PDB file of all heavy atoms in Angstrom:
ATOM      1  N   GLY A   1     -48.637   6.475  -6.278  1.00  0.00           N
ATOM      2  CA  GLY A   1     -48.488   5.111  -6.002  1.00  0.00           C
ATOM      3  C   GLY A   1     -49.557   4.285  -6.675  1.00  0.00           C
ATOM      4  O   GLY A   1     -50.280   4.731  -7.575  1.00  0.00           O
ATOM      5  N   LEU A   2     -49.688   3.038  -6.230  1.00  0.00           N
ATOM      6  CA  LEU A   2     -50.621   2.054  -6.847  1.00  0.00           C
ATOM      7  C   LEU A   2     -51.635   1.682  -5.828  1.00  0.00           C
ATOM      8  O   LEU A   2     -51.397   1.558  -4.670  1.00  0.00           O
ATOM      9  CB  LEU A   2     -49.832   0.829  -7.345  1.00  0.00           C
ATOM     10  CG  LEU A   2     -48.647   1.107  -8.265  1.00  0.00           C
ATOM     11  CD1 LEU A   2     -47.933  -0.260  -8.575  1.00  0.00           C
ATOM     12  CD2 LEU A   2     -49.137   1.741  -9.519  1.00  0.00           C
ATOM     13  N   SER A   3     -52.850   1.432  -6.360  1.00  0.00           N
ATOM     14  CA  SER A   3     -53.978   0.990  -5.466  1.00  0.00           C
ATOM     15  C   SER A   3     -53.662  -0.419  -4.991  1.00  0.00           C
ATOM     16  O   SER A   3     -53.234  -1.306  -5.714  1.00  0.00           O
ATOM     17  CB  SER A   3     -55.256   0.945  -6.281  1.00  0.00           C
ATOM     18  OG  SER A   3     -56.262   0.208  -5.638  1.00  0.00           O
ATOM     19  N   ASP A   4     -53.959  -0.648  -3.679  1.00  0.00           N
ATOM     20  CA  ASP A   4     -53.687  -1.977  -3.162  1.00  0.00           C
ATOM     21  C   ASP A   4     -54.843  -2.929  -3.485  1.00  0.00           C
ATOM     22  O   ASP A   4     -54.761  -4.132  -3.148  1.00  0.00           O
ATOM     23  CB  ASP A   4     -53.547  -1.958  -1.604  1.00  0.00           C
ATOM     24  CG  ASP A   4     -54.729  -1.333  -0.898  1.00  0.00           C
ATOM     25  OD1 ASP A   4     -55.817  -1.128  -1.514  1.00  0.00           O
ATOM     26  OD2 ASP A   4     -54.604  -1.039   0.331  1.00  0.00           O
ATOM     27  N   GLU A   5     -55.862  -2.407  -4.220  1.00  0.00           N
ATOM     28  CA  GLU A   5     -56.932  -3.310  -4.740  1.00  0.00           C
ATOM     29  C   GLU A   5     -56.594  -3.990  -6.048  1.00  0.00           C
ATOM     30  O   GLU A   5     -56.862  -5.145  -6.240  1.00  0.00           O
ATOM     31  CB  GLU A   5     -58.232  -2.499  -4.848  1.00  0.00           C
ATOM     32  CG  GLU A   5     -58.816  -2.032  -3.563  1.00  0.00           C
ATOM     33  CD  GLU A   5     -60.139  -1.256  -3.844  1.00  0.00           C
ATOM     34  OE1 GLU A   5     -60.077  -0.190  -4.470  1.00  0.00           O
ATOM     35  OE2 GLU A   5     -61.183  -1.786  -3.435  1.00  0.00           O
ATOM     36  N   ASP A   6     -56.043  -3.207  -6.995  1.00  0.00           N
ATOM     37  CA  ASP A   6     -55.845  -3.729  -8.337  1.00  0.00           C
ATOM     38  C   ASP A   6     -54.407  -3.501  -8.867  1.00  0.00           C
ATOM     39  O   ASP A   6     -54.103  -3.887  -9.990  1.00  0.00           O
ATOM     40  CB  ASP A   6     -56.901  -3.243  -9.290  1.00  0.00           C
ATOM     41  CG  ASP A   6     -57.005  -1.724  -9.310  1.00  0.00           C
ATOM     42  OD1 ASP A   6     -55.990  -1.036  -8.967  1.00  0.00           O
ATOM     43  OD2 ASP A   6     -58.052  -1.197  -9.615  1.00  0.00           O
ATOM     44  N   GLY A   7     -53.595  -2.796  -8.094  1.00  0.00           N
ATOM     45  CA  GLY A   7     -52.227  -2.517  -8.560  1.00  0.00           C
ATOM     46  C   GLY A   7     -52.081  -1.567  -9.635  1.00  0.00           C
ATOM     47  O   GLY A   7     -51.064  -1.470 -10.268  1.00  0.00           O
ATOM     48  N   LEU A   8     -53.110  -0.735  -9.824  1.00  0.00           N
ATOM     49  CA  LEU A   8     -53.072   0.303 -10.876  1.00  0.00           C
ATOM     50  C   LEU A   8     -52.773   1.668 -10.325  1.00  0.00           C
ATOM     51  O   LEU A   8     -53.045   1.962  -9.117  1.00  0.00           O
ATOM     52  CB  LEU A   8     -54.404   0.285 -11.630  1.00  0.00           C
ATOM     53  CG  LEU A   8     -54.753  -0.966 -12.422  1.00  0.00           C
ATOM     54  CD1 LEU A   8     -56.133  -0.991 -12.989  1.00  0.00           C
ATOM     55  CD2 LEU A   8     -53.711  -1.170 -13.599  1.00  0.00           C
ATOM     56  N   PRO A   9     -52.315   2.609 -11.112  1.00  0.00           N
ATOM     57  CA  PRO A   9     -51.940   3.941 -10.617  1.00  0.00           C
ATOM     58  C   PRO A   9     -53.048   4.722 -10.075  1.00  0.00           C
ATOM     59  O   PRO A   9     -54.230   4.633 -10.519  1.00  0.00           O
ATOM     60  CB  PRO A   9     -51.361   4.611 -11.858  1.00  0.00           C
ATOM     61  CG  PRO A   9     -50.940   3.529 -12.785  1.00  0.00           C
ATOM     62  CD  PRO A   9     -51.967   2.450 -12.572  1.00  0.00           C
ATOM     63  N   VAL A  10     -52.730   5.508  -9.079  1.00  0.00           N
ATOM     64  CA  VAL A  10     -53.624   6.529  -8.383  1.00  0.00           C
ATOM     65  C   VAL A  10     -52.956   7.850  -8.525  1.00  0.00           C
ATOM     66  O   VAL A  10     -51.762   8.018  -8.495  1.00  0.00           O
ATOM     67  CB  VAL A  10     -53.871   6.147  -6.937  1.00  0.00           C
ATOM     68  CG1 VAL A  10     -54.709   7.201  -6.240  1.00  0.00           C
ATOM     69  CG2 VAL A  10     -54.539   4.770  -6.812  1.00  0.00           C
ATOM     70  N   GLY A  11     -53.776   8.952  -8.709  1.00  0.00           N
ATOM     71  CA  GLY A  11     -53.230  10.259  -8.804  1.00  0.00           C
ATOM     72  C   GLY A  11     -53.567  11.118  -7.595  1.00  0.00           C
ATOM     73  O   GLY A  11     -54.655  11.057  -7.011  1.00  0.00           O
ATOM     74  N   LEU A  12     -52.588  12.009  -7.270  1.00  0.00           N
ATOM     75  CA  LEU A  12     -52.817  13.062  -6.257  1.00  0.00           C
ATOM     76  C   LEU A  12     -53.009  14.382  -6.986  1.00  0.00           C
ATOM     77  O   LEU A  12     -52.134  14.745  -7.789  1.00  0.00           O
ATOM     78  CB  LEU A  12     -51.575  13.110  -5.301  1.00  0.00           C
ATOM     79  CG  LEU A  12     -51.497  14.357  -4.365  1.00  0.00           C
ATOM     80  CD1 LEU A  12     -52.618  14.241  -3.296  1.00  0.00           C
ATOM     81  CD2 LEU A  12     -50.146  14.459  -3.746  1.00  0.00           C
ATOM     82  N   GLN A  13     -54.089  15.072  -6.736  1.00  0.00           N
ATOM     83  CA  GLN A  13     -54.295  16.383  -7.364  1.00  0.00           C
ATOM     84  C   GLN A  13     -53.910  17.502  -6.415  1.00  0.00           C
ATOM     85  O   GLN A  13     -54.301  17.492  -5.254  1.00  0.00           O
ATOM     86  CB  GLN A  13     -55.793  16.547  -7.781  1.00  0.00           C
ATOM     87  CG  GLN A  13     -56.082  17.865  -8.422  1.00  0.00           C
ATOM     88  CD  GLN A  13     -57.441  18.050  -8.903  1.00  0.00           C
ATOM     89  OE1 GLN A  13     -57.728  18.549  -9.983  1.00  0.00           O
ATOM     90  NE2 GLN A  13     -58.452  17.669  -8.059  1.00  0.00           N
ATOM     91  N   VAL A  14     -53.140  18.439  -6.889  1.00  0.00           N
ATOM     92  CA  VAL A  14     -52.743  19.594  -6.089  1.00  0.00           C
ATOM     93  C   VAL A  14     -53.285  20.815  -6.834  1.00  0.00           C
ATOM     94  O   VAL A  14     -52.996  21.049  -8.043  1.00  0.00           O
ATOM     95  CB  VAL A  14     -51.236  19.767  -5.985  1.00  0.00           C
ATOM     96  CG1 VAL A  14     -50.854  20.935  -5.051  1.00  0.00           C
ATOM     97  CG2 VAL A  14     -50.633  18.461  -5.380  1.00  0.00           C
ATOM     98  N   MET A  15     -54.094  21.650  -6.149  1.00  0.00           N
ATOM     99  CA  MET A  15     -54.722  22.828  -6.757  1.00  0.00           C
ATOM    100  C   MET A  15     -54.167  24.070  -6.108  1.00  0.00           C
ATOM    101  O   MET A  15     -53.939  24.118  -4.882  1.00  0.00           O
ATOM    102  CB  MET A  15     -56.220  22.771  -6.561  1.00  0.00           C
ATOM    103  CG  MET A  15     -56.901  21.558  -7.260  1.00  0.00           C
ATOM    104  SD  MET A  15     -58.601  21.285  -6.781  1.00  0.00           S
ATOM    105  CE  MET A  15     -58.339  20.278  -5.267  1.00  0.00           C
ATOM    106  N   ALA A  16     -54.068  25.203  -6.892  1.00  0.00           N
ATOM    107  CA  ALA A  16     -53.538  26.432  -6.407  1.00  0.00           C
ATOM    108  C   ALA A  16     -54.431  27.601  -6.882  1.00  0.00           C
ATOM    109  O   ALA A  16     -55.204  27.413  -7.810  1.00  0.00           O
ATOM    110  CB  ALA A  16     -52.105  26.643  -6.839  1.00  0.00           C
ATOM    111  N   PRO A  17     -54.259  28.785  -6.284  1.00  0.00           N
ATOM    112  CA  PRO A  17     -54.999  29.935  -6.819  1.00  0.00           C
ATOM    113  C   PRO A  17     -54.550  30.317  -8.217  1.00  0.00           C
ATOM    114  O   PRO A  17     -53.462  29.914  -8.675  1.00  0.00           O
ATOM    115  CB  PRO A  17     -54.649  31.060  -5.797  1.00  0.00           C
ATOM    116  CG  PRO A  17     -54.074  30.420  -4.611  1.00  0.00           C
ATOM    117  CD  PRO A  17     -53.468  29.080  -5.137  1.00  0.00           C
ATOM    118  N   ALA A  18     -55.362  31.100  -8.939  1.00  0.00           N
ATOM    119  CA  ALA A  18     -55.004  31.548 -10.274  1.00  0.00           C
ATOM    120  C   ALA A  18     -53.670  32.214 -10.305  1.00  0.00           C
ATOM    121  O   ALA A  18     -53.332  33.057  -9.439  1.00  0.00           O
ATOM    122  CB  ALA A  18     -56.055  32.506 -10.829  1.00  0.00           C
ATOM    123  N   LEU A  19     -52.811  31.836 -11.314  1.00  0.00           N
ATOM    124  CA  LEU A  19     -51.498  32.338 -11.523  1.00  0.00           C
ATOM    125  C   LEU A  19     -50.526  32.032 -10.409  1.00  0.00           C
ATOM    126  O   LEU A  19     -49.378  32.617 -10.339  1.00  0.00           O
ATOM    127  CB  LEU A  19     -51.550  33.867 -11.722  1.00  0.00           C
ATOM    128  CG  LEU A  19     -52.268  34.315 -12.999  1.00  0.00           C
ATOM    129  CD1 LEU A  19     -52.344  35.860 -13.031  1.00  0.00           C
ATOM    130  CD2 LEU A  19     -51.666  33.767 -14.240  1.00  0.00           C
ATOM    131  N   ARG A  20     -50.858  31.117  -9.543  1.00  0.00           N
ATOM    132  CA  ARG A  20     -49.967  30.685  -8.431  1.00  0.00           C
ATOM    133  C   ARG A  20     -49.517  29.286  -8.610  1.00  0.00           C
ATOM    134  O   ARG A  20     -49.336  28.491  -7.774  1.00  0.00           O
ATOM    135  CB  ARG A  20     -50.697  30.879  -7.079  1.00  0.00           C
ATOM    136  CG  ARG A  20     -51.103  32.242  -6.673  1.00  0.00           C
ATOM    137  CD  ARG A  20     -49.855  33.123  -6.503  1.00  0.00           C
ATOM    138  NE  ARG A  20     -50.228  34.479  -6.046  1.00  0.00           N
ATOM    139  CZ  ARG A  20     -50.397  35.518  -6.910  1.00  0.00           C
ATOM    140  NH1 ARG A  20     -50.257  35.332  -8.246  1.00  0.00           N
ATOM    141  NH2 ARG A  20     -50.757  36.723  -6.475  1.00  0.00           N
ATOM    142  N   GLU A  21     -49.208  28.952  -9.913  1.00  0.00           N
ATOM    143  CA  GLU A  21     -48.719  27.627 -10.287  1.00  0.00           C
ATOM    144  C   GLU A  21     -47.485  27.211  -9.516  1.00  0.00           C
ATOM    145  O   GLU A  21     -47.312  26.025  -9.155  1.00  0.00           O
ATOM    146  CB  GLU A  21     -48.460  27.526 -11.771  1.00  0.00           C
ATOM    147  CG  GLU A  21     -49.724  27.275 -12.608  1.00  0.00           C
ATOM    148  CD  GLU A  21     -50.365  28.516 -13.136  1.00  0.00           C
ATOM    149  OE1 GLU A  21     -50.107  29.582 -12.552  1.00  0.00           O
ATOM    150  OE2 GLU A  21     -51.108  28.446 -14.098  1.00  0.00           O
ATOM    151  N   PRO A  22     -46.573  28.102  -9.203  1.00  0.00           N
ATOM    152  CA  PRO A  22     -45.389  27.654  -8.485  1.00  0.00           C
ATOM    153  C   PRO A  22     -45.655  26.947  -7.166  1.00  0.00           C
ATOM    154  O   PRO A  22     -44.952  26.050  -6.759  1.00  0.00           O
ATOM    155  CB  PRO A  22     -44.612  28.990  -8.191  1.00  0.00           C
ATOM    156  CG  PRO A  22     -44.950  29.834  -9.384  1.00  0.00           C
ATOM    157  CD  PRO A  22     -46.405  29.516  -9.663  1.00  0.00           C
ATOM    158  N   ARG A  23     -46.718  27.341  -6.496  1.00  0.00           N
ATOM    159  CA  ARG A  23     -47.095  26.606  -5.254  1.00  0.00           C
ATOM    160  C   ARG A  23     -47.368  25.169  -5.509  1.00  0.00           C
ATOM    161  O   ARG A  23     -46.887  24.282  -4.794  1.00  0.00           O
ATOM    162  CB  ARG A  23     -48.375  27.255  -4.641  1.00  0.00           C
ATOM    163  CG  ARG A  23     -48.208  28.687  -4.182  1.00  0.00           C
ATOM    164  CD  ARG A  23     -49.527  29.047  -3.495  1.00  0.00           C
ATOM    165  NE  ARG A  23     -49.578  30.495  -3.188  1.00  0.00           N
ATOM    166  CZ  ARG A  23     -50.603  31.108  -2.577  1.00  0.00           C
ATOM    167  NH1 ARG A  23     -51.658  30.355  -2.229  1.00  0.00           N
ATOM    168  NH2 ARG A  23     -50.579  32.389  -2.384  1.00  0.00           N
ATOM    169  N   MET A  24     -48.204  24.864  -6.538  1.00  0.00           N
ATOM    170  CA  MET A  24     -48.529  23.466  -6.756  1.00  0.00           C
ATOM    171  C   MET A  24     -47.363  22.678  -7.360  1.00  0.00           C
ATOM    172  O   MET A  24     -47.207  21.491  -7.015  1.00  0.00           O
ATOM    173  CB  MET A  24     -49.749  23.348  -7.704  1.00  0.00           C
ATOM    174  CG  MET A  24     -49.527  23.710  -9.131  1.00  0.00           C
ATOM    175  SD  MET A  24     -51.051  23.679 -10.137  1.00  0.00           S
ATOM    176  CE  MET A  24     -50.261  23.701 -11.796  1.00  0.00           C
ATOM    177  N   TYR A  25     -46.500  23.315  -8.153  1.00  0.00           N
ATOM    178  CA  TYR A  25     -45.324  22.619  -8.621  1.00  0.00           C
ATOM    179  C   TYR A  25     -44.367  22.272  -7.468  1.00  0.00           C
ATOM    180  O   TYR A  25     -43.746  21.185  -7.496  1.00  0.00           O
ATOM    181  CB  TYR A  25     -44.605  23.474  -9.686  1.00  0.00           C
ATOM    182  CG  TYR A  25     -45.084  23.301 -11.091  1.00  0.00           C
ATOM    183  CD1 TYR A  25     -45.952  24.242 -11.674  1.00  0.00           C
ATOM    184  CD2 TYR A  25     -44.769  22.180 -11.826  1.00  0.00           C
ATOM    185  CE1 TYR A  25     -46.425  24.093 -12.987  1.00  0.00           C
ATOM    186  CE2 TYR A  25     -45.220  22.011 -13.109  1.00  0.00           C
ATOM    187  CZ  TYR A  25     -46.050  22.969 -13.702  1.00  0.00           C
ATOM    188  OH  TYR A  25     -46.523  22.808 -14.972  1.00  0.00           O
ATOM    189  N   ARG A  26     -44.213  23.187  -6.544  1.00  0.00           N
ATOM    190  CA  ARG A  26     -43.346  22.914  -5.408  1.00  0.00           C
ATOM    191  C   ARG A  26     -43.827  21.723  -4.584  1.00  0.00           C
ATOM    192  O   ARG A  26     -43.113  20.825  -4.270  1.00  0.00           O
ATOM    193  CB  ARG A  26     -43.175  24.115  -4.567  1.00  0.00           C
ATOM    194  CG  ARG A  26     -42.296  23.912  -3.331  1.00  0.00           C
ATOM    195  CD  ARG A  26     -42.375  25.102  -2.318  1.00  0.00           C
ATOM    196  NE  ARG A  26     -41.679  24.780  -1.123  1.00  0.00           N
ATOM    197  CZ  ARG A  26     -41.780  25.454  -0.021  1.00  0.00           C
ATOM    198  NH1 ARG A  26     -42.487  26.563   0.018  1.00  0.00           N
ATOM    199  NH2 ARG A  26     -41.103  25.097   1.123  1.00  0.00           N
ATOM    200  N   VAL A  27     -45.119  21.788  -4.311  1.00  0.00           N
ATOM    201  CA  VAL A  27     -45.741  20.689  -3.454  1.00  0.00           C
ATOM    202  C   VAL A  27     -45.687  19.365  -4.214  1.00  0.00           C
ATOM    203  O   VAL A  27     -45.386  18.286  -3.653  1.00  0.00           O
ATOM    204  CB  VAL A  27     -47.200  21.074  -3.034  1.00  0.00           C
ATOM    205  CG1 VAL A  27     -47.864  19.878  -2.389  1.00  0.00           C
ATOM    206  CG2 VAL A  27     -47.162  22.231  -2.098  1.00  0.00           C
ATOM    207  N   ALA A  28     -46.051  19.358  -5.504  1.00  0.00           N
ATOM    208  CA  ALA A  28     -46.060  18.156  -6.262  1.00  0.00           C
ATOM    209  C   ALA A  28     -44.639  17.565  -6.400  1.00  0.00           C
ATOM    210  O   ALA A  28     -44.435  16.322  -6.275  1.00  0.00           O
ATOM    211  CB  ALA A  28     -46.596  18.434  -7.692  1.00  0.00           C
ATOM    212  N   ALA A  29     -43.644  18.424  -6.598  1.00  0.00           N
ATOM    213  CA  ALA A  29     -42.281  17.910  -6.766  1.00  0.00           C
ATOM    214  C   ALA A  29     -41.748  17.370  -5.419  1.00  0.00           C
ATOM    215  O   ALA A  29     -41.061  16.360  -5.407  1.00  0.00           O
ATOM    216  CB  ALA A  29     -41.383  19.074  -7.229  1.00  0.00           C
ATOM    217  N   ALA A  30     -42.140  17.991  -4.325  1.00  0.00           N
ATOM    218  CA  ALA A  30     -41.695  17.541  -2.990  1.00  0.00           C
ATOM    219  C   ALA A  30     -42.318  16.167  -2.736  1.00  0.00           C
ATOM    220  O   ALA A  30     -41.652  15.214  -2.248  1.00  0.00           O
ATOM    221  CB  ALA A  30     -42.072  18.532  -1.920  1.00  0.00           C
ATOM    222  N   TYR A  31     -43.627  16.031  -3.059  1.00  0.00           N
ATOM    223  CA  TYR A  31     -44.259  14.766  -2.891  1.00  0.00           C
ATOM    224  C   TYR A  31     -43.633  13.693  -3.777  1.00  0.00           C
ATOM    225  O   TYR A  31     -43.357  12.571  -3.340  1.00  0.00           O
ATOM    226  CB  TYR A  31     -45.774  14.828  -3.159  1.00  0.00           C
ATOM    227  CG  TYR A  31     -46.372  13.447  -3.179  1.00  0.00           C
ATOM    228  CD1 TYR A  31     -46.509  12.725  -2.002  1.00  0.00           C
ATOM    229  CD2 TYR A  31     -46.655  12.818  -4.398  1.00  0.00           C
ATOM    230  CE1 TYR A  31     -47.007  11.427  -2.017  1.00  0.00           C
ATOM    231  CE2 TYR A  31     -47.116  11.512  -4.443  1.00  0.00           C
ATOM    232  CZ  TYR A  31     -47.315  10.856  -3.213  1.00  0.00           C
ATOM    233  OH  TYR A  31     -47.721   9.538  -3.234  1.00  0.00           O
ATOM    234  N   GLU A  32     -43.349  13.994  -5.023  1.00  0.00           N
ATOM    235  CA  GLU A  32     -42.707  13.093  -5.976  1.00  0.00           C
ATOM    236  C   GLU A  32     -41.391  12.587  -5.420  1.00  0.00           C
ATOM    237  O   GLU A  32     -41.060  11.402  -5.502  1.00  0.00           O
ATOM    238  CB  GLU A  32     -42.578  13.792  -7.289  1.00  0.00           C
ATOM    239  CG  GLU A  32     -41.864  12.976  -8.361  1.00  0.00           C
ATOM    240  CD  GLU A  32     -41.654  13.805  -9.657  1.00  0.00           C
ATOM    241  OE1 GLU A  32     -40.898  14.775  -9.591  1.00  0.00           O
ATOM    242  OE2 GLU A  32     -42.277  13.435 -10.707  1.00  0.00           O
ATOM    243  N   PHE A  33     -40.647  13.531  -4.835  1.00  0.00           N
ATOM    244  CA  PHE A  33     -39.361  13.188  -4.216  1.00  0.00           C
ATOM    245  C   PHE A  33     -39.510  12.148  -3.117  1.00  0.00           C
ATOM    246  O   PHE A  33     -38.811  11.152  -3.048  1.00  0.00           O
ATOM    247  CB  PHE A  33     -38.700  14.496  -3.736  1.00  0.00           C
ATOM    248  CG  PHE A  33     -37.469  14.248  -2.882  1.00  0.00           C
ATOM    249  CD1 PHE A  33     -36.274  14.120  -3.459  1.00  0.00           C
ATOM    250  CD2 PHE A  33     -37.504  14.298  -1.481  1.00  0.00           C
ATOM    251  CE1 PHE A  33     -35.047  13.932  -2.698  1.00  0.00           C
ATOM    252  CE2 PHE A  33     -36.412  14.136  -0.704  1.00  0.00           C
ATOM    253  CZ  PHE A  33     -35.172  13.917  -1.297  1.00  0.00           C
ATOM    254  N   ALA A  34     -40.487  12.410  -2.220  1.00  0.00           N
ATOM    255  CA  ALA A  34     -40.710  11.506  -1.100  1.00  0.00           C
ATOM    256  C   ALA A  34     -41.256  10.170  -1.532  1.00  0.00           C
ATOM    257  O   ALA A  34     -40.888   9.101  -1.030  1.00  0.00           O
ATOM    258  CB  ALA A  34     -41.663  12.169  -0.125  1.00  0.00           C
ATOM    259  N   ARG A  35     -42.153  10.167  -2.596  1.00  0.00           N
ATOM    260  CA  ARG A  35     -42.691   8.930  -3.081  1.00  0.00           C
ATOM    261  C   ARG A  35     -41.651   8.078  -3.689  1.00  0.00           C
ATOM    262  O   ARG A  35     -41.613   6.849  -3.442  1.00  0.00           O
ATOM    263  CB  ARG A  35     -43.727   9.316  -4.156  1.00  0.00           C
ATOM    264  CG  ARG A  35     -44.519   8.121  -4.782  1.00  0.00           C
ATOM    265  CD  ARG A  35     -44.967   8.461  -6.202  1.00  0.00           C
ATOM    266  NE  ARG A  35     -43.820   8.664  -7.100  1.00  0.00           N
ATOM    267  CZ  ARG A  35     -43.908   9.511  -8.178  1.00  0.00           C
ATOM    268  NH1 ARG A  35     -44.988  10.187  -8.427  1.00  0.00           N
ATOM    269  NH2 ARG A  35     -42.825   9.617  -8.930  1.00  0.00           N
ATOM    270  N   ASP A  36     -40.733   8.595  -4.495  1.00  0.00           N
ATOM    271  CA  ASP A  36     -39.759   7.823  -5.129  1.00  0.00           C
ATOM    272  C   ASP A  36     -38.778   7.207  -4.073  1.00  0.00           C
ATOM    273  O   ASP A  36     -38.275   6.052  -4.276  1.00  0.00           O
ATOM    274  CB  ASP A  36     -38.942   8.648  -6.124  1.00  0.00           C
ATOM    275  CG  ASP A  36     -39.707   8.933  -7.376  1.00  0.00           C
ATOM    276  OD1 ASP A  36     -40.808   8.335  -7.529  1.00  0.00           O
ATOM    277  OD2 ASP A  36     -39.287   9.742  -8.236  1.00  0.00           O
ATOM    278  N   ILE A  37     -38.481   7.946  -3.024  1.00  0.00           N
ATOM    279  CA  ILE A  37     -37.705   7.360  -1.960  1.00  0.00           C
ATOM    280  C   ILE A  37     -38.434   6.196  -1.318  1.00  0.00           C
ATOM    281  O   ILE A  37     -37.838   5.071  -1.059  1.00  0.00           O
ATOM    282  CB  ILE A  37     -37.347   8.419  -0.910  1.00  0.00           C
ATOM    283  CG1 ILE A  37     -36.370   9.448  -1.488  1.00  0.00           C
ATOM    284  CG2 ILE A  37     -36.752   7.750   0.367  1.00  0.00           C
ATOM    285  CD1 ILE A  37     -36.018  10.563  -0.550  1.00  0.00           C
ATOM    286  N   ALA A  38     -39.703   6.388  -1.043  1.00  0.00           N
ATOM    287  CA  ALA A  38     -40.498   5.325  -0.397  1.00  0.00           C
ATOM    288  C   ALA A  38     -40.610   4.101  -1.266  1.00  0.00           C
ATOM    289  O   ALA A  38     -40.628   2.946  -0.798  1.00  0.00           O
ATOM    290  CB  ALA A  38     -41.912   5.850  -0.025  1.00  0.00           C
ATOM    291  N   LEU A  39     -40.726   4.277  -2.600  1.00  0.00           N
ATOM    292  CA  LEU A  39     -40.902   3.168  -3.515  1.00  0.00           C
ATOM    293  C   LEU A  39     -39.585   2.564  -3.977  1.00  0.00           C
ATOM    294  O   LEU A  39     -39.507   1.508  -4.606  1.00  0.00           O
ATOM    295  CB  LEU A  39     -41.683   3.612  -4.751  1.00  0.00           C
ATOM    296  CG  LEU A  39     -43.126   4.011  -4.517  1.00  0.00           C
ATOM    297  CD1 LEU A  39     -43.760   4.482  -5.805  1.00  0.00           C
ATOM    298  CD2 LEU A  39     -43.921   2.808  -3.969  1.00  0.00           C
ATOM    299  N   GLY A  40     -38.443   3.274  -3.695  1.00  0.00           N
ATOM    300  CA  GLY A  40     -37.175   2.792  -4.117  1.00  0.00           C
ATOM    301  C   GLY A  40     -36.942   2.970  -5.620  1.00  0.00           C
ATOM    302  O   GLY A  40     -36.152   2.272  -6.246  1.00  0.00           O
ATOM    303  N   GLY A  41     -37.586   4.017  -6.185  1.00  0.00           N
ATOM    304  CA  GLY A  41     -37.447   4.308  -7.590  1.00  0.00           C
ATOM    305  C   GLY A  41     -38.657   4.967  -8.195  1.00  0.00           C
ATOM    306  O   GLY A  41     -39.703   5.031  -7.524  1.00  0.00           O
ATOM    307  N   SER A  42     -38.632   5.333  -9.406  1.00  0.00           N
ATOM    308  CA  SER A  42     -39.733   6.010 -10.064  1.00  0.00           C
ATOM    309  C   SER A  42     -40.889   5.009 -10.293  1.00  0.00           C
ATOM    310  O   SER A  42     -40.695   3.895 -10.736  1.00  0.00           O
ATOM    311  CB  SER A  42     -39.296   6.595 -11.396  1.00  0.00           C
ATOM    312  OG  SER A  42     -40.423   7.120 -12.111  1.00  0.00           O
ATOM    313  N   LEU A  43     -42.122   5.507 -10.062  1.00  0.00           N
ATOM    314  CA  LEU A  43     -43.308   4.687 -10.234  1.00  0.00           C
ATOM    315  C   LEU A  43     -43.425   4.236 -11.734  1.00  0.00           C
ATOM    316  O   LEU A  43     -43.863   3.092 -11.953  1.00  0.00           O
ATOM    317  CB  LEU A  43     -44.544   5.475  -9.847  1.00  0.00           C
ATOM    318  CG  LEU A  43     -45.881   4.802 -10.008  1.00  0.00           C
ATOM    319  CD1 LEU A  43     -46.076   3.607  -9.022  1.00  0.00           C
ATOM    320  CD2 LEU A  43     -47.033   5.733  -9.885  1.00  0.00           C
ATOM    321  N   ILE A  44     -43.079   5.100 -12.669  1.00  0.00           N
ATOM    322  CA  ILE A  44     -43.358   4.796 -14.086  1.00  0.00           C
ATOM    323  C   ILE A  44     -42.511   3.595 -14.508  1.00  0.00           C
ATOM    324  O   ILE A  44     -42.834   2.909 -15.501  1.00  0.00           O
ATOM    325  CB  ILE A  44     -43.029   6.022 -14.951  1.00  0.00           C
ATOM    326  CG1 ILE A  44     -43.641   5.862 -16.350  1.00  0.00           C
ATOM    327  CG2 ILE A  44     -41.557   6.267 -14.996  1.00  0.00           C
ATOM    328  CD1 ILE A  44     -45.092   5.869 -16.347  1.00  0.00           C
ATOM    329  N   ASN A  45     -41.418   3.283 -13.786  1.00  0.00           N
ATOM    330  CA  ASN A  45     -40.608   2.095 -14.204  1.00  0.00           C
ATOM    331  C   ASN A  45     -41.298   0.793 -13.859  1.00  0.00           C
ATOM    332  O   ASN A  45     -40.729  -0.264 -14.225  1.00  0.00           O
ATOM    333  CB  ASN A  45     -39.203   2.235 -13.570  1.00  0.00           C
ATOM    334  CG  ASN A  45     -38.396   3.311 -14.115  1.00  0.00           C
ATOM    335  OD1 ASN A  45     -38.518   3.619 -15.313  1.00  0.00           O
ATOM    336  ND2 ASN A  45     -37.520   3.936 -13.361  1.00  0.00           N
TER     337      ASN A  45
END
């Protein structure tokens, strides 16, 4: 989403153990799904 101070993008970092990338991709994709619903569309637009 965007900072309520300046309207600029903020990032969420998801970290996983070595070679366990699927964990972070699953969590990141789930969050992205929920964020786009909350925002009514993709942030990049």
